[in-house]
Structures are given as structure tokens and as C-alpha cells.
Amino acid sequence: MVLPPGERNDELADLLQWIANAKPADEKGIRAEIKRHYYDVGDTSGGDALSAALGNVLGPSVAYKDRQRILDSIGPYSISGSESDPSTDLLIGSSIKTRPI
């Protein structure tokens, strides 16, 4: 599975594609990369989203089309550009509203 062309951070796009194509033996390495790219820089929501995607991909009997849907859903986390926050873009794109504090 691959992401469609776009202005992406190549390293992050590779990580997302690795998640979509993951095998159980890849889990430890992928989780380390999620930590490095997301949790370690303070993007907890991004790390949580990718961790959940990995868990879904590694679930029993995940079909090819499901892996592609998972990749499509996490694709915004590879978009490059300092003005773009992938977590916010994903929330806006999926019409999820957050409650004010």
C-alpha cells in the first residue's frame, strides 16, 4: 500500500506505509518510530492515532482493502509544512468537533 502523491514528509510517509503494511514482527520497530516522530515531540494525538492504526492493522484477518482505508485515514499525518497541524487537519477533515474547555 502507498499514499497518493502530495507534499509529504518522506520519512513520515514511509512510516505510515510501514504501518499499513506491518507484520507482527514489525510492531516493536514501528512503535519506536511513532514514539520518536510523535510522542517525543509532544504530538500525543498523532502518536495515539498512529498507535491505534497499527493495532488495527495487526488485528486478526485484516483485509487488503481495510489496510488501505487505514492508510488513507492516517495520511494527513505525513503532510509537510510548518503551518499545518496534522491532528487539527484530521479533525477538520473528518468533521469531528471538539468541545471547548
N, C-alpha and C. Protein backbone atom coordinates (compact mmCIF):
# COMPACT_ATOMS: atom_id res chain seq x y z
N MET A 1 0.82 -1.16 0.00
CA MET A 1 0.00 0.00 0.00
C MET A 1 0.88 1.24 0.00
N VAL A 2 0.45 2.25 -0.74
CA VAL A 2 1.20 3.50 -0.78
C VAL A 2 0.22 4.66 -0.68
N LEU A 3 0.75 5.79 -0.23
CA LEU A 3 -0.03 7.01 -0.15
C LEU A 3 -0.07 7.67 -1.53
N PRO A 4 -1.12 8.42 -1.83
CA PRO A 4 -1.15 9.14 -3.10
C PRO A 4 -0.10 10.25 -3.08
N PRO A 5 0.33 10.72 -4.25
CA PRO A 5 1.32 11.79 -4.29
C PRO A 5 0.82 13.04 -3.56
N GLY A 6 1.73 13.79 -3.03
CA GLY A 6 1.38 15.02 -2.32
C GLY A 6 2.61 15.61 -1.67
N GLU A 7 2.43 16.77 -1.08
CA GLU A 7 3.53 17.42 -0.37
C GLU A 7 3.64 16.79 1.00
N ARG A 8 4.43 15.75 1.07
CA ARG A 8 4.56 14.97 2.30
C ARG A 8 5.99 14.98 2.79
N ASN A 9 6.13 14.76 4.06
CA ASN A 9 7.43 14.50 4.65
C ASN A 9 7.72 13.03 4.30
N ASP A 10 8.76 12.80 3.51
CA ASP A 10 9.04 11.45 3.02
C ASP A 10 9.25 10.44 4.15
N GLU A 11 9.94 10.87 5.20
CA GLU A 11 10.21 9.96 6.32
C GLU A 11 8.91 9.55 7.01
N LEU A 12 8.01 10.52 7.20
CA LEU A 12 6.73 10.20 7.84
C LEU A 12 5.85 9.37 6.92
N ALA A 13 5.88 9.66 5.62
CA ALA A 13 5.10 8.87 4.66
C ALA A 13 5.58 7.42 4.68
N ASP A 14 6.90 7.23 4.74
CA ASP A 14 7.43 5.86 4.83
C ASP A 14 6.94 5.15 6.08
N LEU A 15 6.90 5.88 7.20
CA LEU A 15 6.41 5.29 8.45
C LEU A 15 4.95 4.88 8.32
N LEU A 16 4.12 5.74 7.74
CA LEU A 16 2.70 5.42 7.60
C LEU A 16 2.49 4.22 6.69
N GLN A 17 3.27 4.14 5.62
CA GLN A 17 3.17 3.00 4.72
C GLN A 17 3.66 1.72 5.40
N TRP A 18 4.67 1.85 6.25
CA TRP A 18 5.15 0.71 7.03
C TRP A 18 4.04 0.23 7.96
N ILE A 19 3.33 1.17 8.58
CA ILE A 19 2.21 0.81 9.45
C ILE A 19 1.17 0.02 8.66
N ALA A 20 0.79 0.54 7.49
CA ALA A 20 -0.26 -0.11 6.70
C ALA A 20 0.14 -1.50 6.22
N ASN A 21 1.43 -1.71 6.02
CA ASN A 21 1.92 -2.99 5.53
C ASN A 21 2.55 -3.85 6.63
N ALA A 22 2.32 -3.49 7.88
CA ALA A 22 3.00 -4.12 9.02
C ALA A 22 2.68 -5.60 9.17
N LYS A 23 3.71 -6.28 9.64
CA LYS A 23 3.59 -7.68 10.07
C LYS A 23 3.85 -7.67 11.58
N PRO A 24 3.40 -8.67 12.30
CA PRO A 24 3.62 -8.68 13.75
C PRO A 24 5.08 -8.46 14.16
N ALA A 25 6.02 -8.97 13.39
CA ALA A 25 7.44 -8.80 13.72
C ALA A 25 7.90 -7.35 13.61
N ASP A 26 7.13 -6.51 12.90
CA ASP A 26 7.49 -5.10 12.72
C ASP A 26 7.02 -4.21 13.88
N GLU A 27 6.14 -4.73 14.71
CA GLU A 27 5.47 -3.89 15.70
C GLU A 27 6.43 -3.11 16.60
N LYS A 28 7.42 -3.74 17.15
CA LYS A 28 8.34 -3.06 18.08
C LYS A 28 9.06 -1.90 17.39
N GLY A 29 9.56 -2.12 16.20
CA GLY A 29 10.26 -1.07 15.46
C GLY A 29 9.34 0.08 15.08
N ILE A 30 8.12 -0.24 14.67
CA ILE A 30 7.16 0.80 14.31
C ILE A 30 6.79 1.62 15.53
N ARG A 31 6.53 0.98 16.65
CA ARG A 31 6.18 1.73 17.86
C ARG A 31 7.32 2.66 18.28
N ALA A 32 8.56 2.23 18.10
CA ALA A 32 9.70 3.09 18.42
C ALA A 32 9.72 4.32 17.51
N GLU A 33 9.40 4.13 16.24
CA GLU A 33 9.38 5.26 15.30
C GLU A 33 8.21 6.21 15.59
N ILE A 34 7.06 5.66 15.96
CA ILE A 34 5.92 6.51 16.34
C ILE A 34 6.32 7.36 17.55
N LYS A 35 6.97 6.75 18.51
CA LYS A 35 7.42 7.48 19.70
C LYS A 35 8.36 8.61 19.31
N ARG A 36 9.34 8.30 18.46
CA ARG A 36 10.35 9.29 18.07
C ARG A 36 9.74 10.45 17.29
N HIS A 37 8.86 10.15 16.36
CA HIS A 37 8.32 11.20 15.49
C HIS A 37 7.14 11.95 16.09
N TYR A 38 6.43 11.36 17.02
CA TYR A 38 5.21 11.98 17.53
C TYR A 38 5.26 12.24 19.03
N TYR A 39 5.33 11.20 19.83
CA TYR A 39 5.29 11.40 21.28
C TYR A 39 6.46 12.24 21.78
N ASP A 40 7.66 11.97 21.29
CA ASP A 40 8.84 12.69 21.77
C ASP A 40 8.82 14.19 21.43
N VAL A 41 8.03 14.58 20.44
CA VAL A 41 7.94 16.00 20.08
C VAL A 41 6.64 16.62 20.59
N GLY A 42 5.91 15.89 21.42
CA GLY A 42 4.72 16.44 22.05
C GLY A 42 3.42 16.25 21.28
N ASP A 43 3.43 15.50 20.20
CA ASP A 43 2.20 15.27 19.43
C ASP A 43 1.54 13.98 19.90
N THR A 44 0.90 14.07 21.06
CA THR A 44 0.26 12.91 21.65
C THR A 44 -0.90 12.40 20.80
N SER A 45 -1.70 13.32 20.25
CA SER A 45 -2.84 12.87 19.45
C SER A 45 -2.37 12.16 18.19
N GLY A 46 -1.30 12.65 17.57
CA GLY A 46 -0.75 11.97 16.40
C GLY A 46 -0.21 10.60 16.76
N GLY A 47 0.53 10.52 17.86
CA GLY A 47 1.05 9.24 18.32
C GLY A 47 -0.06 8.26 18.64
N ASP A 48 -1.10 8.76 19.30
CA ASP A 48 -2.23 7.89 19.64
C ASP A 48 -2.94 7.37 18.39
N ALA A 49 -3.12 8.26 17.41
CA ALA A 49 -3.80 7.87 16.17
C ALA A 49 -3.00 6.79 15.43
N LEU A 50 -1.69 6.98 15.35
CA LEU A 50 -0.87 6.00 14.63
C LEU A 50 -0.75 4.69 15.41
N SER A 51 -0.69 4.78 16.73
CA SER A 51 -0.67 3.56 17.55
C SER A 51 -1.96 2.76 17.37
N ALA A 52 -3.08 3.47 17.33
CA ALA A 52 -4.37 2.80 17.12
C ALA A 52 -4.43 2.18 15.73
N ALA A 53 -3.92 2.91 14.73
CA ALA A 53 -3.90 2.38 13.36
C ALA A 53 -3.07 1.10 13.30
N LEU A 54 -1.92 1.12 13.96
CA LEU A 54 -1.06 -0.07 13.98
C LEU A 54 -1.79 -1.24 14.64
N GLY A 55 -2.45 -0.98 15.74
CA GLY A 55 -3.22 -2.03 16.41
C GLY A 55 -4.30 -2.61 15.50
N ASN A 56 -4.95 -1.74 14.74
CA ASN A 56 -5.99 -2.21 13.81
C ASN A 56 -5.40 -3.05 12.69
N VAL A 57 -4.29 -2.60 12.14
CA VAL A 57 -3.64 -3.33 11.04
C VAL A 57 -3.19 -4.72 11.50
N LEU A 58 -2.71 -4.80 12.72
CA LEU A 58 -2.20 -6.07 13.23
C LEU A 58 -3.30 -6.98 13.79
N GLY A 59 -4.54 -6.51 13.71
CA GLY A 59 -5.65 -7.33 14.18
C GLY A 59 -5.83 -8.57 13.32
N PRO A 60 -6.62 -9.51 13.81
CA PRO A 60 -6.81 -10.76 13.07
C PRO A 60 -7.57 -10.54 11.76
N SER A 61 -7.10 -11.19 10.72
CA SER A 61 -7.80 -11.22 9.42
C SER A 61 -8.10 -9.84 8.84
N VAL A 62 -7.13 -8.95 8.85
CA VAL A 62 -7.34 -7.62 8.28
C VAL A 62 -7.14 -7.72 6.77
N ALA A 63 -8.18 -7.36 6.02
CA ALA A 63 -8.15 -7.46 4.56
C ALA A 63 -7.33 -6.32 3.96
N TYR A 64 -6.87 -6.54 2.74
CA TYR A 64 -6.09 -5.54 2.00
C TYR A 64 -6.84 -4.21 1.94
N LYS A 65 -8.13 -4.25 1.60
CA LYS A 65 -8.91 -3.01 1.47
C LYS A 65 -8.99 -2.27 2.81
N ASP A 66 -9.00 -3.01 3.92
CA ASP A 66 -9.04 -2.38 5.24
C ASP A 66 -7.71 -1.70 5.54
N ARG A 67 -6.62 -2.35 5.15
CA ARG A 67 -5.30 -1.73 5.34
C ARG A 67 -5.21 -0.43 4.54
N GLN A 68 -5.74 -0.44 3.32
CA GLN A 68 -5.70 0.78 2.50
C GLN A 68 -6.55 1.88 3.14
N ARG A 69 -7.70 1.53 3.68
CA ARG A 69 -8.55 2.52 4.36
C ARG A 69 -7.83 3.10 5.58
N ILE A 70 -7.14 2.25 6.30
CA ILE A 70 -6.38 2.72 7.46
C ILE A 70 -5.29 3.68 7.01
N LEU A 71 -4.57 3.33 5.95
CA LEU A 71 -3.52 4.20 5.43
C LEU A 71 -4.11 5.53 4.97
N ASP A 72 -5.23 5.49 4.27
CA ASP A 72 -5.87 6.72 3.81
C ASP A 72 -6.26 7.61 4.99
N SER A 73 -6.71 6.99 6.08
CA SER A 73 -7.15 7.78 7.24
C SER A 73 -6.00 8.42 8.00
N ILE A 74 -4.81 7.80 7.96
CA ILE A 74 -3.67 8.38 8.68
C ILE A 74 -2.78 9.21 7.76
N GLY A 75 -3.09 9.26 6.49
CA GLY A 75 -2.30 10.02 5.52
C GLY A 75 -1.99 11.45 5.91
N PRO A 76 -2.94 12.18 6.50
CA PRO A 76 -2.65 13.57 6.88
C PRO A 76 -1.48 13.73 7.85
N TYR A 77 -1.13 12.67 8.55
CA TYR A 77 -0.01 12.76 9.49
C TYR A 77 1.35 12.79 8.79
N SER A 78 1.37 12.71 7.47
CA SER A 78 2.63 12.79 6.73
C SER A 78 2.76 14.09 5.94
N ILE A 79 1.75 14.95 6.01
CA ILE A 79 1.80 16.19 5.24
C ILE A 79 2.83 17.12 5.84
N SER A 80 3.65 17.66 4.95
CA SER A 80 4.70 18.56 5.43
C SER A 80 4.20 19.99 5.38
N GLY A 81 4.86 20.83 6.12
CA GLY A 81 4.50 22.24 6.18
C GLY A 81 4.32 22.66 7.61
N SER A 82 5.05 23.68 8.01
CA SER A 82 5.00 24.10 9.41
C SER A 82 3.67 24.72 9.79
N GLU A 83 2.94 25.25 8.80
CA GLU A 83 1.67 25.87 9.13
C GLU A 83 0.55 24.86 9.30
N SER A 84 0.80 23.62 8.97
CA SER A 84 -0.23 22.60 9.02
C SER A 84 -0.02 21.69 10.21
N ASP A 85 -1.04 21.55 11.03
CA ASP A 85 -1.02 20.62 12.16
C ASP A 85 -1.85 19.41 11.76
N PRO A 86 -1.23 18.27 11.48
CA PRO A 86 -1.98 17.10 11.01
C PRO A 86 -3.12 16.69 11.93
N SER A 87 -2.96 16.85 13.23
CA SER A 87 -4.04 16.47 14.14
C SER A 87 -5.26 17.33 13.91
N THR A 88 -5.04 18.62 13.77
CA THR A 88 -6.15 19.54 13.51
C THR A 88 -6.75 19.27 12.14
N ASP A 89 -5.90 19.07 11.13
CA ASP A 89 -6.39 18.79 9.79
C ASP A 89 -7.25 17.54 9.78
N LEU A 90 -6.84 16.51 10.52
CA LEU A 90 -7.60 15.27 10.55
C LEU A 90 -8.96 15.50 11.22
N LEU A 91 -8.98 16.25 12.31
CA LEU A 91 -10.25 16.53 12.98
C LEU A 91 -11.18 17.31 12.08
N ILE A 92 -10.65 18.30 11.39
CA ILE A 92 -11.46 19.11 10.49
C ILE A 92 -11.95 18.26 9.32
N GLY A 93 -11.04 17.48 8.75
CA GLY A 93 -11.38 16.65 7.60
C GLY A 93 -12.40 15.59 7.90
N SER A 94 -12.45 15.11 9.10
CA SER A 94 -13.41 14.07 9.45
C SER A 94 -14.64 14.63 10.15
N SER A 95 -14.73 15.96 10.21
CA SER A 95 -15.87 16.66 10.80
C SER A 95 -16.10 16.33 12.26
N ILE A 96 -15.04 16.02 12.96
CA ILE A 96 -15.14 15.79 14.40
C ILE A 96 -15.02 17.14 15.09
N LYS A 97 -15.90 17.43 15.96
CA LYS A 97 -15.87 18.69 16.68
C LYS A 97 -15.34 18.45 18.08
N THR A 98 -14.51 19.36 18.53
CA THR A 98 -14.02 19.26 19.89
C THR A 98 -14.85 20.19 20.76
N ARG A 99 -14.98 19.83 22.02
CA ARG A 99 -15.73 20.67 22.96
C ARG A 99 -14.80 21.70 23.56
N PRO A 100 -15.28 22.93 23.72
CA PRO A 100 -14.45 23.92 24.39
C PRO A 100 -14.22 23.55 25.84
N ILE A 101 -13.12 23.95 26.36
CA ILE A 101 -12.79 23.65 27.76
C ILE A 101 -13.43 24.67 28.67
